[in-house]
PDB file of N, CA and C in Angstrom:
ATOM      1  N   MET A   1     -38.552 -27.966 -28.668  1.00  0.00           N
ATOM      2  CA  MET A   1     -40.067 -28.470 -27.700  1.00  0.00           C
ATOM      3  C   MET A   1     -39.981 -29.342 -26.440  1.00  0.00           C
ATOM      4  N   LYS A   2     -39.064 -30.421 -26.314  1.00  0.00           N
ATOM      5  CA  LYS A   2     -38.881 -30.803 -25.092  1.00  0.00           C
ATOM      6  C   LYS A   2     -38.359 -29.965 -23.557  1.00  0.00           C
ATOM      7  N   LYS A   3     -37.795 -29.033 -24.430  1.00  0.00           N
ATOM      8  CA  LYS A   3     -37.202 -27.643 -22.994  1.00  0.00           C
ATOM      9  C   LYS A   3     -38.790 -27.127 -22.491  1.00  0.00           C
ATOM     10  N   ILE A   4     -39.668 -26.865 -23.393  1.00  0.00           N
ATOM     11  CA  ILE A   4     -40.874 -26.330 -23.149  1.00  0.00           C
ATOM     12  C   ILE A   4     -41.725 -27.410 -22.444  1.00  0.00           C
ATOM     13  N   ALA A   5     -41.873 -28.847 -22.797  1.00  0.00           N
ATOM     14  CA  ALA A   5     -42.854 -29.619 -22.321  1.00  0.00           C
ATOM     15  C   ALA A   5     -42.537 -30.252 -20.785  1.00  0.00           C
ATOM     16  N   LEU A   6     -41.194 -30.097 -20.323  1.00  0.00           N
ATOM     17  CA  LEU A   6     -40.877 -30.545 -19.431  1.00  0.00           C
ATOM     18  C   LEU A   6     -41.223 -29.630 -17.995  1.00  0.00           C
ATOM     19  N   PRO A   7     -41.116 -28.454 -18.532  1.00  0.00           N
ATOM     20  CA  PRO A   7     -41.507 -27.381 -17.242  1.00  0.00           C
ATOM     21  C   PRO A   7     -43.040 -27.152 -17.362  1.00  0.00           C
ATOM     22  N   LEU A   8     -43.601 -27.296 -18.134  1.00  0.00           N
ATOM     23  CA  LEU A   8     -45.303 -27.231 -18.509  1.00  0.00           C
ATOM     24  C   LEU A   8     -45.729 -28.504 -17.661  1.00  0.00           C
ATOM     25  N   ILE A   9     -45.450 -29.542 -17.836  1.00  0.00           N
ATOM     26  CA  ILE A   9     -45.728 -30.888 -17.028  1.00  0.00           C
ATOM     27  C   ILE A   9     -45.583 -30.651 -15.683  1.00  0.00           C
ATOM     28  N   LEU A  10     -44.390 -29.942 -15.167  1.00  0.00           N
ATOM     29  CA  LEU A  10     -44.290 -29.760 -13.725  1.00  0.00           C
ATOM     30  C   LEU A  10     -45.245 -28.877 -13.211  1.00  0.00           C
ATOM     31  N   VAL A  11     -45.268 -27.710 -13.983  1.00  0.00           N
ATOM     32  CA  VAL A  11     -46.403 -26.421 -13.665  1.00  0.00           C
ATOM     33  C   VAL A  11     -47.781 -27.103 -13.449  1.00  0.00           C
ATOM     34  N   ILE A  12     -48.363 -28.380 -14.202  1.00  0.00           N
ATOM     35  CA  ILE A  12     -49.338 -28.901 -14.328  1.00  0.00           C
ATOM     36  C   ILE A  12     -49.526 -29.702 -13.047  1.00  0.00           C
ATOM     37  N   LEU A  13     -48.869 -30.546 -12.765  1.00  0.00           N
ATOM     38  CA  LEU A  13     -48.714 -31.395 -11.679  1.00  0.00           C
ATOM     39  C   LEU A  13     -48.581 -30.659 -10.350  1.00  0.00           C
ATOM     40  N   VAL A  14     -47.787 -29.795 -10.375  1.00  0.00           N
ATOM     41  CA  VAL A  14     -47.943 -28.596  -8.996  1.00  0.00           C
ATOM     42  C   VAL A  14     -49.440 -28.191  -8.579  1.00  0.00           C
ATOM     43  N   CYS A  15     -49.960 -27.666  -9.829  1.00  0.00           N
ATOM     44  CA  CYS A  15     -51.142 -27.116  -9.862  1.00  0.00           C
ATOM     45  C   CYS A  15     -52.273 -28.029  -9.313  1.00  0.00           C
ATOM     46  N   LEU A  16     -52.335 -29.197  -9.696  1.00  0.00           N
ATOM     47  CA  LEU A  16     -53.142 -30.405  -9.419  1.00  0.00           C
ATOM     48  C   LEU A  16     -53.261 -30.828  -7.832  1.00  0.00           C
ATOM     49  N   SER A  17     -51.747 -31.010  -7.710  1.00  0.00           N
ATOM     50  CA  SER A  17     -51.257 -31.318  -6.065  1.00  0.00           C
ATOM     51  C   SER A  17     -51.870 -30.060  -5.131  1.00  0.00           C
ATOM     52  N   PHE A  18     -52.014 -28.855  -5.453  1.00  0.00           N
ATOM     53  CA  PHE A  18     -52.378 -27.914  -4.978  1.00  0.00           C
ATOM     54  C   PHE A  18     -54.055 -27.806  -4.747  1.00  0.00           C
ATOM     55  N   SER A  19     -54.490 -28.225  -6.196  1.00  0.00           N
ATOM     56  CA  SER A  19     -55.917 -28.246  -6.272  1.00  0.00           C
ATOM     57  C   SER A  19     -56.745 -29.393  -5.401  1.00  0.00           C
ATOM     58  N   GLY A  20     -56.065 -29.924  -5.006  1.00  0.00           N
ATOM     59  CA  GLY A  20     -56.392 -31.465  -4.200  1.00  0.00           C
ATOM     60  C   GLY A  20     -56.700 -30.812  -2.679  1.00  0.00           C
ATOM     61  N   CYS A  21     -55.786 -29.986  -2.434  1.00  0.00           N
ATOM     62  CA  CYS A  21     -55.727 -29.404  -0.845  1.00  0.00           C
ATOM     63  C   CYS A  21     -56.870 -28.645  -0.954  1.00  0.00           C
ATOM     64  N   LEU A  22     -57.266 -27.781  -1.884  1.00  0.00           N
ATOM     65  CA  LEU A  22     -58.184 -26.743  -1.659  1.00  0.00           C
ATOM     66  C   LEU A  22     -59.490 -27.522  -2.092  1.00  0.00           C
ATOM     67  N   GLY A  23     -59.476 -28.424  -2.808  1.00  0.00           N
ATOM     68  CA  GLY A  23     -60.726 -29.062  -2.728  1.00  0.00           C
ATOM     69  C   GLY A  23     -61.200 -29.589  -1.368  1.00  0.00           C
ATOM     70  N   ASP A  24     -60.154 -30.319  -0.332  1.00  0.00           N
ATOM     71  CA  ASP A  24     -60.841 -30.887   0.643  1.00  0.00           C
ATOM     72  C   ASP A  24     -61.051 -29.941   1.409  1.00  0.00           C
ATOM     73  N   LYS A  25     -60.593 -28.684   1.570  1.00  0.00           N
ATOM     74  CA  LYS A  25     -60.649 -27.689   2.466  1.00  0.00           C
ATOM     75  C   LYS A  25     -62.272 -26.907   2.270  1.00  0.00           C
ATOM     76  N   SER A  26     -62.547 -26.874   0.856  1.00  0.00           N
ATOM     77  CA  SER A  26     -63.920 -26.472   0.524  1.00  0.00           C
ATOM     78  C   SER A  26     -64.899 -27.782   0.872  1.00  0.00           C
ATOM     79  N   LYS A  27     -64.619 -28.609   1.080  1.00  0.00           N
ATOM     80  CA  LYS A  27     -65.490 -29.999   1.589  1.00  0.00           C
ATOM     81  C   LYS A  27     -65.724 -29.807   3.090  1.00  0.00           C
ATOM     82  N   PHE A  28     -64.617 -29.403   3.724  1.00  0.00           N
ATOM     83  CA  PHE A  28     -64.978 -29.382   5.160  1.00  0.00           C
ATOM     84  C   PHE A  28     -66.011 -28.228   5.760  1.00  0.00           C
ATOM     85  N   VAL A  29     -65.803 -26.829   4.902  1.00  0.00           N
ATOM     86  CA  VAL A  29     -66.454 -25.674   5.288  1.00  0.00           C
ATOM     87  C   VAL A  29     -68.259 -25.844   5.496  1.00  0.00           C
ATOM     88  N   GLY A  30     -68.648 -25.722   6.522  1.00  0.00           N
ATOM     89  CA  GLY A  30     -70.039 -26.044   6.881  1.00  0.00           C
ATOM     90  C   GLY A  30     -70.236 -26.395   8.311  1.00  0.00           C
ATOM     91  N   THR A  31     -71.511 -26.936   8.569  1.00  0.00           N
ATOM     92  CA  THR A  31     -71.344 -27.571   9.955  1.00  0.00           C
ATOM     93  C   THR A  31     -71.726 -28.920  10.044  1.00  0.00           C
ATOM     94  N   TRP A  32     -71.339 -29.570  10.673  1.00  0.00           N
ATOM     95  CA  TRP A  32     -71.057 -31.028  10.931  1.00  0.00           C
ATOM     96  C   TRP A  32     -71.962 -31.606  12.159  1.00  0.00           C
ATOM     97  N   GLN A  33     -72.469 -32.652  12.212  1.00  0.00           N
ATOM     98  CA  GLN A  33     -73.224 -33.227  13.432  1.00  0.00           C
ATOM     99  C   GLN A  33     -72.689 -34.196  13.894  1.00  0.00           C
ATOM    100  N   TYR A  34     -72.227 -34.389  14.915  1.00  0.00           N
ATOM    101  CA  TYR A  34     -71.189 -35.701  15.634  1.00  0.00           C
ATOM    102  C   TYR A  34     -72.367 -36.537  15.762  1.00  0.00           C
ATOM    103  N   SER A  35     -72.560 -37.755  15.605  1.00  0.00           N
ATOM    104  CA  SER A  35     -73.170 -38.726  15.695  1.00  0.00           C
ATOM    105  C   SER A  35     -73.552 -39.175  17.336  1.00  0.00           C
ATOM    106  N   GLU A  36     -72.799 -38.648  18.146  1.00  0.00           N
ATOM    107  CA  GLU A  36     -73.026 -38.910  19.881  1.00  0.00           C
ATOM    108  C   GLU A  36     -73.335 -37.548  20.237  1.00  0.00           C
ATOM    109  N   GLY A  37     -73.724 -36.521  19.571  1.00  0.00           N
ATOM    110  CA  GLY A  37     -74.442 -35.173  19.829  1.00  0.00           C
ATOM    111  C   GLY A  37     -73.095 -34.182  19.604  1.00  0.00           C
ATOM    112  N   GLY A  38     -73.627 -32.832  19.542  1.00  0.00           N
ATOM    113  CA  GLY A  38     -72.597 -31.768  19.537  1.00  0.00           C
ATOM    114  C   GLY A  38     -72.331 -31.530  18.095  1.00  0.00           C
ATOM    115  N   SER A  39     -71.710 -30.437  17.572  1.00  0.00           N
ATOM    116  CA  SER A  39     -71.334 -30.216  16.137  1.00  0.00           C
ATOM    117  C   SER A  39     -70.163 -29.228  16.026  1.00  0.00           C
ATOM    118  N   ILE A  40     -69.372 -29.489  15.016  1.00  0.00           N
ATOM    119  CA  ILE A  40     -68.370 -28.933  14.495  1.00  0.00           C
ATOM    120  C   ILE A  40     -68.821 -27.983  13.154  1.00  0.00           C
ATOM    121  N   THR A  41     -68.272 -26.636  13.320  1.00  0.00           N
ATOM    122  CA  THR A  41     -68.554 -25.475  12.367  1.00  0.00           C
ATOM    123  C   THR A  41     -67.405 -25.248  11.422  1.00  0.00           C
ATOM    124  N   PHE A  42     -66.922 -25.299  10.445  1.00  0.00           N
ATOM    125  CA  PHE A  42     -65.710 -24.952   9.671  1.00  0.00           C
ATOM    126  C   PHE A  42     -65.938 -23.977   9.054  1.00  0.00           C
ATOM    127  N   TYR A  43     -65.213 -22.938   8.874  1.00  0.00           N
ATOM    128  CA  TYR A  43     -65.195 -21.457   8.120  1.00  0.00           C
ATOM    129  C   TYR A  43     -64.038 -21.523   7.358  1.00  0.00           C
ATOM    130  N   ASP A  44     -64.362 -20.795   6.129  1.00  0.00           N
ATOM    131  CA  ASP A  44     -63.207 -20.381   4.916  1.00  0.00           C
ATOM    132  C   ASP A  44     -61.927 -19.954   5.660  1.00  0.00           C
ATOM    133  N   ASN A  45     -62.150 -19.348   6.714  1.00  0.00           N
ATOM    134  CA  ASN A  45     -61.013 -18.300   7.236  1.00  0.00           C
ATOM    135  C   ASN A  45     -60.218 -19.225   7.992  1.00  0.00           C
ATOM    136  N   ASN A  46     -60.084 -20.491   8.194  1.00  0.00           N
ATOM    137  CA  ASN A  46     -59.502 -21.502   8.991  1.00  0.00           C
ATOM    138  C   ASN A  46     -60.138 -21.341  10.414  1.00  0.00           C
ATOM    139  N   SER A  47     -60.840 -21.094  10.643  1.00  0.00           N
ATOM    140  CA  SER A  47     -61.510 -20.658  12.263  1.00  0.00           C
ATOM    141  C   SER A  47     -62.466 -22.258  12.328  1.00  0.00           C
ATOM    142  N   VAL A  48     -62.907 -22.708  13.405  1.00  0.00           N
ATOM    143  CA  VAL A  48     -63.687 -23.623  13.411  1.00  0.00           C
ATOM    144  C   VAL A  48     -64.658 -23.349  15.022  1.00  0.00           C
ATOM    145  N   SER A  49     -65.632 -23.717  14.905  1.00  0.00           N
ATOM    146  CA  SER A  49     -66.351 -23.667  16.240  1.00  0.00           C
ATOM    147  C   SER A  49     -66.933 -24.985  16.640  1.00  0.00           C
ATOM    148  N   ILE A  50     -66.413 -25.500  17.900  1.00  0.00           N
ATOM    149  CA  ILE A  50     -66.612 -26.897  18.291  1.00  0.00           C
ATOM    150  C   ILE A  50     -67.792 -26.906  19.493  1.00  0.00           C
ATOM    151  N   THR A  51     -68.998 -27.407  19.568  1.00  0.00           N
ATOM    152  CA  THR A  51     -69.940 -27.437  20.435  1.00  0.00           C
ATOM    153  C   THR A  51     -69.945 -28.776  21.034  1.00  0.00           C
ATOM    154  N   ASN A  52     -69.647 -28.939  22.385  1.00  0.00           N
ATOM    155  CA  ASN A  52     -70.412 -30.240  23.037  1.00  0.00           C
ATOM    156  C   ASN A  52     -69.713 -31.685  22.080  1.00  0.00           C
ATOM    157  N   ILE A  53     -68.300 -31.700  21.853  1.00  0.00           N
ATOM    158  CA  ILE A  53     -67.732 -32.933  21.439  1.00  0.00           C
ATOM    159  C   ILE A  53     -66.825 -33.356  22.413  1.00  0.00           C
ATOM    160  N   ARG A  54     -67.136 -33.990  23.501  1.00  0.00           N
ATOM    161  CA  ARG A  54     -66.684 -34.221  24.477  1.00  0.00           C
ATOM    162  C   ARG A  54     -67.278 -35.713  25.385  1.00  0.00           C
ATOM    163  N   PRO A  55     -66.915 -36.203  25.928  1.00  0.00           N
ATOM    164  CA  PRO A  55     -65.620 -36.917  26.295  1.00  0.00           C
ATOM    165  C   PRO A  55     -64.890 -37.675  25.012  1.00  0.00           C
ATOM    166  N   LEU A  56     -63.699 -37.264  24.807  1.00  0.00           N
ATOM    167  CA  LEU A  56     -63.137 -38.300  23.681  1.00  0.00           C
ATOM    168  C   LEU A  56     -61.928 -39.065  24.308  1.00  0.00           C
ATOM    169  N   GLY A  57     -62.255 -39.743  25.379  1.00  0.00           N
ATOM    170  CA  GLY A  57     -60.841 -40.347  26.176  1.00  0.00           C
ATOM    171  C   GLY A  57     -60.475 -39.191  26.588  1.00  0.00           C
ATOM    172  N   VAL A  58     -59.308 -38.803  26.340  1.00  0.00           N
ATOM    173  CA  VAL A  58     -58.727 -37.673  27.390  1.00  0.00           C
ATOM    174  C   VAL A  58     -58.748 -36.343  26.724  1.00  0.00           C
ATOM    175  N   ILE A  59     -59.145 -36.207  25.642  1.00  0.00           N
ATOM    176  CA  ILE A  59     -59.363 -35.085  24.806  1.00  0.00           C
ATOM    177  C   ILE A  59     -60.810 -34.535  24.849  1.00  0.00           C
ATOM    178  N   GLN A  60     -61.169 -33.330  25.025  1.00  0.00           N
ATOM    179  CA  GLN A  60     -62.337 -32.563  24.985  1.00  0.00           C
ATOM    180  C   GLN A  60     -62.246 -31.546  24.336  1.00  0.00           C
ATOM    181  N   LEU A  61     -62.973 -31.347  23.440  1.00  0.00           N
ATOM    182  CA  LEU A  61     -63.094 -30.233  22.470  1.00  0.00           C
ATOM    183  C   LEU A  61     -64.247 -29.583  22.255  1.00  0.00           C
ATOM    184  N   ASP A  62     -64.001 -28.415  22.432  1.00  0.00           N
ATOM    185  CA  ASP A  62     -65.220 -27.369  22.994  1.00  0.00           C
ATOM    186  C   ASP A  62     -64.650 -25.818  23.101  1.00  0.00           C
ATOM    187  N   GLY A  63     -65.267 -25.425  21.790  1.00  0.00           N
ATOM    188  CA  GLY A  63     -64.604 -23.767  21.917  1.00  0.00           C
ATOM    189  C   GLY A  63     -64.226 -23.406  20.436  1.00  0.00           C
ATOM    190  N   VAL A  64     -63.413 -22.407  20.398  1.00  0.00           N
ATOM    191  CA  VAL A  64     -63.048 -22.056  18.847  1.00  0.00           C
ATOM    192  C   VAL A  64     -61.818 -22.116  18.700  1.00  0.00           C
ATOM    193  N   PHE A  65     -61.292 -22.903  17.643  1.00  0.00           N
ATOM    194  CA  PHE A  65     -59.766 -22.830  17.307  1.00  0.00           C
ATOM    195  C   PHE A  65     -59.785 -22.406  16.076  1.00  0.00           C
ATOM    196  N   THR A  66     -58.617 -22.491  15.583  1.00  0.00           N
ATOM    197  CA  THR A  66     -57.964 -22.751  14.328  1.00  0.00           C
ATOM    198  C   THR A  66     -57.756 -23.948  13.597  1.00  0.00           C
ATOM    199  N   TYR A  67     -57.770 -24.057  12.404  1.00  0.00           N
ATOM    200  CA  TYR A  67     -57.890 -25.506  12.061  1.00  0.00           C
ATOM    201  C   TYR A  67     -56.763 -25.534  10.503  1.00  0.00           C
ATOM    202  N   SER A  68     -55.980 -26.562  10.430  1.00  0.00           N
ATOM    203  CA  SER A  68     -55.046 -26.559   8.982  1.00  0.00           C
ATOM    204  C   SER A  68     -55.398 -27.882   8.445  1.00  0.00           C
ATOM    205  N   ILE A  69     -55.303 -27.890   7.563  1.00  0.00           N
ATOM    206  CA  ILE A  69     -55.490 -29.392   6.591  1.00  0.00           C
ATOM    207  C   ILE A  69     -54.087 -29.556   6.034  1.00  0.00           C
ATOM    208  N   ALA A  70     -53.308 -30.888   6.163  1.00  0.00           N
ATOM    209  CA  ALA A  70     -52.133 -31.253   5.467  1.00  0.00           C
ATOM    210  C   ALA A  70     -52.003 -32.712   5.198  1.00  0.00           C
ATOM    211  N   ASN A  71     -51.629 -33.285   4.568  1.00  0.00           N
ATOM    212  CA  ASN A  71     -51.247 -34.749   4.534  1.00  0.00           C
ATOM    213  C   ASN A  71     -52.407 -35.613   5.107  1.00  0.00           C
ATOM    214  N   ASN A  72     -53.361 -35.369   4.777  1.00  0.00           N
ATOM    215  CA  ASN A  72     -54.753 -36.294   5.093  1.00  0.00           C
ATOM    216  C   ASN A  72     -54.989 -35.927   6.425  1.00  0.00           C
ATOM    217  N   ASN A  73     -54.485 -35.139   7.234  1.00  0.00           N
ATOM    218  CA  ASN A  73     -54.751 -34.515   8.841  1.00  0.00           C
ATOM    219  C   ASN A  73     -55.558 -33.403   8.708  1.00  0.00           C
ATOM    220  N   VAL A  74     -56.269 -33.069   9.779  1.00  0.00           N
ATOM    221  CA  VAL A  74     -56.850 -31.872  10.039  1.00  0.00           C
ATOM    222  C   VAL A  74     -56.375 -31.582  11.567  1.00  0.00           C
ATOM    223  N   THR A  75     -55.793 -30.424  11.540  1.00  0.00           N
ATOM    224  CA  THR A  75     -55.278 -29.989  12.983  1.00  0.00           C
ATOM    225  C   THR A  75     -55.773 -29.027  13.614  1.00  0.00           C
ATOM    226  N   PHE A  76     -56.416 -29.149  14.963  1.00  0.00           N
ATOM    227  CA  PHE A  76     -56.820 -27.924  15.514  1.00  0.00           C
ATOM    228  C   PHE A  76     -55.959 -27.435  16.460  1.00  0.00           C
ATOM    229  N   THR A  77     -55.942 -26.224  16.116  1.00  0.00           N
ATOM    230  CA  THR A  77     -54.908 -25.212  17.372  1.00  0.00           C
ATOM    231  C   THR A  77     -55.770 -24.583  18.168  1.00  0.00           C
ATOM    232  N   SER A  78     -55.247 -24.528  19.370  1.00  0.00           N
ATOM    233  CA  SER A  78     -56.154 -23.236  20.406  1.00  0.00           C
ATOM    234  C   SER A  78     -54.669 -22.652  21.085  1.00  0.00           C
ATOM    235  N   SER A  79     -54.658 -21.682  21.494  1.00  0.00           N
ATOM    236  CA  SER A  79     -53.716 -20.893  22.380  1.00  0.00           C
ATOM    237  C   SER A  79     -54.361 -20.063  23.652  1.00  0.00           C
ATOM    238  N   GLY A  80     -54.056 -21.039  24.502  1.00  0.00           N
ATOM    239  CA  GLY A  80     -54.766 -20.711  25.898  1.00  0.00           C
ATOM    240  C   GLY A  80     -54.303 -19.717  26.394  1.00  0.00           C
ATOM    241  N   SER A  81     -55.219 -19.003  27.565  1.00  0.00           N
ATOM    242  CA  SER A  81     -54.685 -17.988  28.282  1.00  0.00           C
ATOM    243  C   SER A  81     -53.538 -17.894  28.800  1.00  0.00           C
ATOM    244  N   SER A  82     -52.988 -18.951  29.166  1.00  0.00           N
ATOM    245  CA  SER A  82     -51.441 -19.230  29.832  1.00  0.00           C
ATOM    246  C   SER A  82     -50.315 -19.273  28.773  1.00  0.00           C
ATOM    247  N   GLY A  83     -50.757 -18.947  27.594  1.00  0.00           N
ATOM    248  CA  GLY A  83     -50.057 -18.917  26.419  1.00  0.00           C
ATOM    249  C   GLY A  83     -49.276 -20.273  25.851  1.00  0.00           C
ATOM    250  N   VAL A  84     -49.840 -21.329  26.424  1.00  0.00           N
ATOM    251  CA  VAL A  84     -49.821 -22.735  25.926  1.00  0.00           C
ATOM    252  C   VAL A  84     -50.446 -23.018  24.573  1.00  0.00           C
ATOM    253  N   SER A  85     -49.886 -23.403  23.609  1.00  0.00           N
ATOM    254  CA  SER A  85     -50.614 -23.461  22.331  1.00  0.00           C
ATOM    255  C   SER A  85     -51.110 -25.271  22.315  1.00  0.00           C
ATOM    256  N   VAL A  86     -52.186 -25.572  22.062  1.00  0.00           N
ATOM    257  CA  VAL A  86     -52.816 -27.383  21.944  1.00  0.00           C
ATOM    258  C   VAL A  86     -52.881 -27.005  20.511  1.00  0.00           C
ATOM    259  N   ASN A  87     -52.086 -28.789  20.039  1.00  0.00           N
ATOM    260  CA  ASN A  87     -52.755 -28.726  18.708  1.00  0.00           C
ATOM    261  C   ASN A  87     -53.019 -30.641  18.724  1.00  0.00           C
ATOM    262  N   ILE A  88     -54.241 -30.624  18.128  1.00  0.00           N
ATOM    263  CA  ILE A  88     -54.851 -31.606  18.204  1.00  0.00           C
ATOM    264  C   ILE A  88     -55.093 -32.349  16.888  1.00  0.00           C
ATOM    265  N   ALA A  89     -54.240 -33.561  16.441  1.00  0.00           N
ATOM    266  CA  ALA A  89     -54.707 -33.739  15.090  1.00  0.00           C
ATOM    267  C   ALA A  89     -55.131 -34.954  14.800  1.00  0.00           C
ATOM    268  N   PHE A  90     -55.897 -35.323  13.849  1.00  0.00           N
ATOM    269  CA  PHE A  90     -57.251 -36.237  13.178  1.00  0.00           C
ATOM    270  C   PHE A  90     -56.650 -36.730  11.835  1.00  0.00           C
ATOM    271  N   ALA A  91     -56.948 -37.853  11.540  1.00  0.00           N
ATOM    272  CA  ALA A  91     -56.288 -38.294  10.135  1.00  0.00           C
ATOM    273  C   ALA A  91     -58.138 -38.113   9.729  1.00  0.00           C
ATOM    274  N   TYR A  92     -58.265 -37.727   8.446  1.00  0.00           N
ATOM    275  CA  TYR A  92     -59.572 -37.738   8.245  1.00  0.00           C
ATOM    276  C   TYR A  92     -59.945 -38.601   6.803  1.00  0.00           C
ATOM    277  N   SER A  93     -61.272 -38.621   6.551  1.00  0.00           N
ATOM    278  CA  SER A  93     -61.791 -39.108   5.230  1.00  0.00           C
ATOM    279  C   SER A  93     -63.025 -38.839   5.019  1.00  0.00           C
ATOM    280  N   PHE A  94     -63.434 -38.783   3.956  1.00  0.00           N
ATOM    281  CA  PHE A  94     -64.869 -38.236   3.410  1.00  0.00           C
ATOM    282  C   PHE A  94     -65.553 -39.896   3.058  1.00  0.00           C
ATOM    283  N   THR A  95     -66.478 -40.421   3.291  1.00  0.00           N
ATOM    284  CA  THR A  95     -66.979 -41.380   2.950  1.00  0.00           C
ATOM    285  C   THR A  95     -68.002 -40.848   1.906  1.00  0.00           C
ATOM    286  N   ASN A  96     -68.485 -39.781   1.618  1.00  0.00           N
ATOM    287  CA  ASN A  96     -69.324 -39.267   0.417  1.00  0.00           C
ATOM    288  C   ASN A  96     -69.347 -37.930   1.046  1.00  0.00           C
ATOM    289  N   ASP A  97     -69.808 -36.771   0.233  1.00  0.00           N
ATOM    290  CA  ASP A  97     -69.836 -35.505   0.575  1.00  0.00           C
ATOM    291  C   ASP A  97     -70.422 -35.157   2.113  1.00  0.00           C
ATOM    292  N   ASN A  98     -71.188 -35.946   2.279  1.00  0.00           N
ATOM    293  CA  ASN A  98     -71.900 -35.265   3.540  1.00  0.00           C
ATOM    294  C   ASN A  98     -71.528 -36.441   4.797  1.00  0.00           C
ATOM    295  N   THR A  99     -70.906 -37.037   4.723  1.00  0.00           N
ATOM    296  CA  THR A  99     -70.025 -37.775   5.780  1.00  0.00           C
ATOM    297  C   THR A  99     -68.619 -37.874   6.103  1.00  0.00           C
ATOM    298  N   LEU A 100     -68.263 -37.181   7.135  1.00  0.00           N
ATOM    299  CA  LEU A 100     -66.906 -37.125   7.414  1.00  0.00           C
ATOM    300  C   LEU A 100     -66.441 -38.037   8.369  1.00  0.00           C
ATOM    301  N   VAL A 101     -65.258 -38.863   8.497  1.00  0.00           N
ATOM    302  CA  VAL A 101     -64.720 -39.492   9.790  1.00  0.00           C
ATOM    303  C   VAL A 101     -63.352 -38.862  10.156  1.00  0.00           C
ATOM    304  N   LEU A 102     -63.447 -38.341  11.331  1.00  0.00           N
ATOM    305  CA  LEU A 102     -62.109 -38.064  11.972  1.00  0.00           C
ATOM    306  C   LEU A 102     -61.611 -39.143  13.333  1.00  0.00           C
ATOM    307  N   THR A 103     -60.236 -39.803  12.853  1.00  0.00           N
ATOM    308  CA  THR A 103     -59.774 -40.574  13.979  1.00  0.00           C
ATOM    309  C   THR A 103     -58.337 -40.257  14.168  1.00  0.00           C
ATOM    310  N   ARG A 104     -58.197 -40.767  15.518  1.00  0.00           N
ATOM    311  CA  ARG A 104     -56.971 -40.275  16.357  1.00  0.00           C
ATOM    312  C   ARG A 104     -56.838 -41.481  17.073  1.00  0.00           C
ATOM    313  N   SER A 105     -55.723 -42.427  17.043  1.00  0.00           N
ATOM    314  CA  SER A 105     -55.463 -43.836  17.705  1.00  0.00           C
ATOM    315  C   SER A 105     -56.420 -44.177  18.182  1.00  0.00           C
ATOM    316  N   ASP A 106     -57.391 -44.504  19.231  1.00  0.00           N
ATOM    317  CA  ASP A 106     -58.535 -45.474  19.416  1.00  0.00           C
ATOM    318  C   ASP A 106     -59.606 -44.274  19.407  1.00  0.00           C
ATOM    319  N   ILE A 107     -59.465 -43.114  18.925  1.00  0.00           N
ATOM    320  CA  ILE A 107     -60.910 -42.332  18.913  1.00  0.00           C
ATOM    321  C   ILE A 107     -61.380 -42.224  17.326  1.00  0.00           C
ATOM    322  N   SER A 108     -62.865 -42.138  17.224  1.00  0.00           N
ATOM    323  CA  SER A 108     -63.392 -41.924  15.689  1.00  0.00           C
ATOM    324  C   SER A 108     -64.713 -41.462  15.744  1.00  0.00           C
ATOM    325  N   LEU A 109     -64.536 -40.300  15.087  1.00  0.00           N
ATOM    326  CA  LEU A 109     -65.942 -39.254  15.068  1.00  0.00           C
ATOM    327  C   LEU A 109     -66.622 -39.479  13.866  1.00  0.00           C
ATOM    328  N   THR A 110     -67.789 -39.804  13.714  1.00  0.00           N
ATOM    329  CA  THR A 110     -68.314 -39.762  12.450  1.00  0.00           C
ATOM    330  C   THR A 110     -69.412 -38.370  12.786  1.00  0.00           C
ATOM    331  N   LEU A 111     -69.508 -37.459  11.476  1.00  0.00           N
ATOM    332  CA  LEU A 111     -69.890 -36.242  11.320  1.00  0.00           C
ATOM    333  C   LEU A 111     -70.602 -36.530  10.262  1.00  0.00           C
ATOM    334  N   VAL A 112     -72.055 -35.828  10.272  1.00  0.00           N
ATOM    335  CA  VAL A 112     -72.923 -35.446   8.870  1.00  0.00           C
ATOM    336  C   VAL A 112     -73.097 -34.221   8.699  1.00  0.00           C
ATOM    337  N   LYS A 113     -72.870 -33.698   7.505  1.00  0.00           N
ATOM    338  CA  LYS A 113     -73.153 -32.513   7.341  1.00  0.00           C
ATOM    339  C   LYS A 113     -74.538 -32.006   7.465  1.00  0.00           C
ATOM    340  N   THR A 114     -74.910 -31.051   7.783  1.00  0.00           N
ATOM    341  CA  THR A 114     -76.244 -30.352   8.154  1.00  0.00           C
ATOM    342  C   THR A 114     -75.978 -29.028   7.320  1.00  0.00           C
ATOM    343  N   SER A 115     -74.997 -28.338   6.900  1.00  0.00           N
ATOM    344  CA  SER A 115     -75.381 -27.110   6.035  1.00  0.00           C
ATOM    345  C   SER A 115     -73.954 -26.716   5.426  1.00  0.00           C
TER     346      SER A 115
END
């Protein structure tokens, strides 16, 4: 019985850890309005459309990017026409199902889900 219990517990723990990641991704999907104007729309296929989220210090986000979620960070990636890839990571937190806060050093974005 012990030989079965340990692998079963490990499988359950792995599944639970992956379900947390999947759960966060599903929370992102939809359109979010930035408190200072502009919006971010996350799609299931890991693409994101960012409109008028600027200026953020030295960072300006506007256009279509891909995004990834890992270790409580969301990373926006874009490949420029020059072949240079840009990665911008933000720590994220959900204060409730309809409010998302993205932070990076001295930058903080508060987003409210509209759809």
